[in-house]
Protein backbone atom coordinates (compact mmCIF):
# COMPACT_ATOMS: atom_id res chain seq x y z
CA MET A 1 32.54 0.84 -11.06
CA HIS A 2 32.54 0.73 -14.83
CA PRO A 3 30.97 3.72 -16.54
CA PRO A 4 27.73 2.82 -18.33
CA GLY A 5 28.40 1.34 -21.73
CA GLU A 6 32.02 0.29 -21.08
CA ALA A 7 33.19 -3.31 -20.89
CA GLY A 8 32.05 -4.83 -17.63
CA GLY A 9 29.43 -2.13 -17.13
CA GLY A 10 26.55 -4.32 -18.28
CA SER A 11 24.16 -1.39 -18.30
CA ARG A 12 20.68 -1.33 -19.73
CA ALA A 13 19.06 1.71 -21.27
CA ILE A 14 15.59 3.02 -20.61
CA VAL A 15 13.91 6.27 -21.52
CA ALA A 16 13.11 8.34 -18.48
CA GLY A 17 11.28 11.57 -18.05
CA ALA A 18 9.27 13.60 -15.62
CA ARG A 19 5.64 14.40 -16.27
CA ASP A 20 4.47 17.97 -16.09
CA PRO A 21 1.35 18.92 -14.04
CA PHE A 22 -0.82 18.07 -17.05
CA GLY A 23 0.53 14.52 -17.37
CA PHE A 24 2.70 15.11 -20.43
CA HIS A 25 6.30 13.95 -20.54
CA ALA A 26 8.13 17.22 -19.98
CA LEU A 27 11.65 15.87 -20.57
CA GLN A 28 12.92 12.60 -21.95
CA TRP A 29 16.44 11.32 -22.31
CA PRO A 30 18.03 7.86 -22.45
CA VAL A 31 19.30 6.60 -19.10
CA ALA A 32 21.92 3.84 -18.91
CA ILE A 33 21.30 1.93 -15.70
CA PRO A 34 24.18 -0.06 -14.16
CA PRO A 35 23.37 -3.62 -13.09
CA GLY A 36 21.49 -4.12 -9.84
CA PHE A 37 19.72 -0.75 -9.76
CA ARG A 38 15.94 -0.43 -9.81
CA LYS A 39 13.96 2.69 -10.62
CA LEU A 40 12.34 4.25 -7.53
CA THR A 41 8.74 4.12 -8.72
CA GLU A 42 7.48 5.15 -5.27
CA ALA A 43 9.30 8.50 -5.46
CA SER A 44 7.15 11.57 -4.88
CA GLY A 45 7.63 15.30 -4.49
CA PHE A 46 11.17 16.53 -5.08
CA ALA A 47 12.56 13.11 -6.03
CA ALA A 48 9.84 12.51 -8.61
CA ALA A 49 10.23 15.97 -10.12
CA ASN A 50 14.04 15.72 -10.31
CA GLY A 51 14.47 12.06 -11.17
CA PRO A 52 14.27 9.44 -12.13
CA TRP A 53 16.30 8.14 -9.21
CA PHE A 54 17.46 4.55 -8.81
CA GLU A 55 18.50 2.35 -5.90
CA LYS A 56 20.57 -0.77 -5.36
CA ILE A 57 20.82 -2.74 -2.13
CA ASP A 58 24.28 -4.27 -1.84
CA GLY A 59 24.52 -6.24 1.39
CA ASP A 60 24.15 -3.71 4.19
CA ARG A 61 24.54 -0.72 1.85
CA ALA A 62 21.78 1.21 0.08
CA ILE A 63 23.18 3.02 -2.96
CA ARG A 64 21.24 5.69 -4.86
CA GLY A 65 21.96 6.55 -8.47
CA PHE A 66 20.83 8.96 -11.16
CA LEU A 67 21.86 10.26 -14.54
CA PRO A 68 21.71 14.06 -14.58
CA GLY A 69 20.02 15.60 -17.58
CA PRO A 70 20.16 19.15 -18.92
CA GLN A 71 17.47 20.29 -16.47
CA HIS A 72 19.92 19.57 -13.61
CA ALA A 73 22.63 21.89 -15.01
CA ASN A 74 23.66 25.30 -13.74
CA ALA A 75 24.78 28.21 -15.93
CA LEU A 76 28.25 26.61 -16.26
CA GLY A 77 26.78 23.44 -17.77
CA ILE A 78 27.64 21.19 -14.81
CA VAL A 79 25.18 19.70 -12.33
CA HIS A 80 23.81 22.35 -9.97
CA GLY A 81 25.28 22.13 -6.47
CA GLY A 82 21.82 22.26 -4.91
CA MET A 83 20.76 19.21 -6.90
CA LEU A 84 23.88 17.35 -5.79
CA ALA A 85 23.23 18.34 -2.16
CA ALA A 86 19.61 17.19 -2.30
CA PHE A 87 20.57 13.88 -3.90
CA LEU A 88 23.26 13.17 -1.26
CA ASP A 89 20.86 14.20 1.52
CA SER A 90 18.30 11.71 0.20
CA ALA A 91 20.90 8.93 0.02
CA MET A 92 21.99 9.64 3.60
CA GLY A 93 18.36 9.51 4.78
CA THR A 94 17.95 6.22 2.91
CA ALA A 95 20.95 4.85 4.82
CA VAL A 96 19.16 5.67 8.09
CA LEU A 97 15.99 3.91 6.93
CA HIS A 98 17.86 0.88 5.57
CA THR A 99 20.19 0.47 8.56
CA LEU A 100 18.09 1.57 11.54
CA LYS A 101 14.63 0.82 10.08
CA ARG A 102 13.56 4.34 11.11
CA ARG A 103 12.37 7.24 9.00
CA ALA A 104 14.29 10.46 9.61
CA VAL A 105 14.50 14.13 8.69
CA THR A 106 17.63 16.20 8.21
CA VAL A 107 18.59 18.47 11.10
CA ARG A 108 22.07 19.50 9.91
CA LEU A 109 24.00 18.89 6.72
CA SER A 110 27.62 19.93 6.16
CA LEU A 111 28.99 19.48 2.64
CA ASP A 112 32.34 19.61 0.85
CA TYR A 113 32.26 19.93 -2.93
CA LEU A 114 35.26 18.09 -4.36
CA GLY A 115 34.66 18.11 -8.11
CA PRO A 116 31.97 18.72 -10.70
CA GLY A 117 29.05 16.43 -11.41
CA ARG A 118 28.71 16.23 -15.17
CA VAL A 119 25.48 16.13 -17.12
CA GLY A 120 25.14 12.72 -18.78
CA GLU A 121 27.45 10.88 -16.35
CA TRP A 122 25.96 8.35 -13.93
CA LEU A 123 26.26 9.52 -10.32
CA GLN A 124 25.94 7.40 -7.18
CA ALA A 125 25.54 8.36 -3.54
CA GLU A 126 25.50 6.43 -0.30
CA GLY A 127 25.50 7.06 3.40
CA GLU A 128 27.01 5.30 6.40
CA ILE A 129 25.71 5.54 9.95
CA VAL A 130 28.63 6.60 12.15
CA GLY A 131 26.63 6.94 15.39
CA HIS A 132 23.09 7.06 16.74
CA ASP A 133 20.92 7.02 19.82
CA GLU A 134 17.14 6.78 20.19
CA HIS A 135 16.58 10.30 18.82
CA VAL A 136 19.27 11.15 16.25
CA ALA A 137 21.65 9.51 13.80
CA GLN A 138 24.96 10.84 12.51
CA VAL A 139 25.63 9.93 8.90
CA ARG A 140 28.66 10.28 6.64
CA GLY A 141 27.85 10.45 2.93
CA ARG A 142 29.62 10.48 -0.39
CA LEU A 143 28.53 11.19 -3.94
CA TYR A 144 30.76 10.06 -6.78
CA GLY A 145 30.90 9.75 -10.52
CA PRO A 146 32.77 7.35 -12.79
CA ARG A 147 36.05 9.26 -12.47
CA HIS A 148 36.11 11.05 -9.13
CA GLU A 149 34.49 11.99 -5.84
CA VAL A 150 32.01 14.84 -6.32
CA LEU A 151 30.69 15.61 -2.85
CA THR A 152 31.09 14.42 0.72
CA GLY A 153 28.96 15.29 3.68
CA LEU A 154 28.21 14.83 7.35
CA GLY A 155 24.64 14.96 8.54
CA VAL A 156 22.55 14.77 11.66
CA PHE A 157 19.11 13.20 11.21
CA ALA A 158 16.24 13.29 13.71
CA LEU A 159 14.68 9.85 13.97
CA LEU A 160 10.91 9.89 13.65
CA SER A 161 8.63 8.04 16.02
CA ARG A 162 8.48 4.28 15.57
CA GLN A 163 4.68 4.55 15.86
CA ARG A 164 4.39 6.91 12.91
CA PRO A 165 3.29 4.78 9.95
CA HIS A 166 5.16 4.98 6.68
CA THR A 167 2.58 5.84 4.03
CA PRO A 168 4.20 6.64 0.69
CA ARG A 169 2.46 9.38 -1.26
CA ARG A 170 1.58 8.73 -4.85
């Protein structure tokens, strides 16, 4: 992967920002989007408040991406570990939906932090189904930046009923 803005990166810039409860743009910063990613406009709740988040479907892989802003930083000035964990968890759940066509919720998540996520550097995360039955899926995930692996994880996801309709909240 080429970092946004470097030769071969082919990124495009947009201005992104979350709205506060009154509808005002609370934060705005330029976001360089690598080719093939689309903004998740259907995001709600945590993802909407902590995004924008982006997604790219590459064959049988669903890849999530985001550019951390200053609101994602901890006291050390790097991306907060809880934000990284939540982003990887979401990407792993997306892998379940994309691969098994089933919605799922996290039952267990085990993480290994390998390096810092830096504010202003594009991060990507993806999951891979390593096993499943009718009730649960086991997923391996990784979150990485332009220079190094940031976080890896193993998760167990409970598969929701096939009869339960998927109704995105707005």
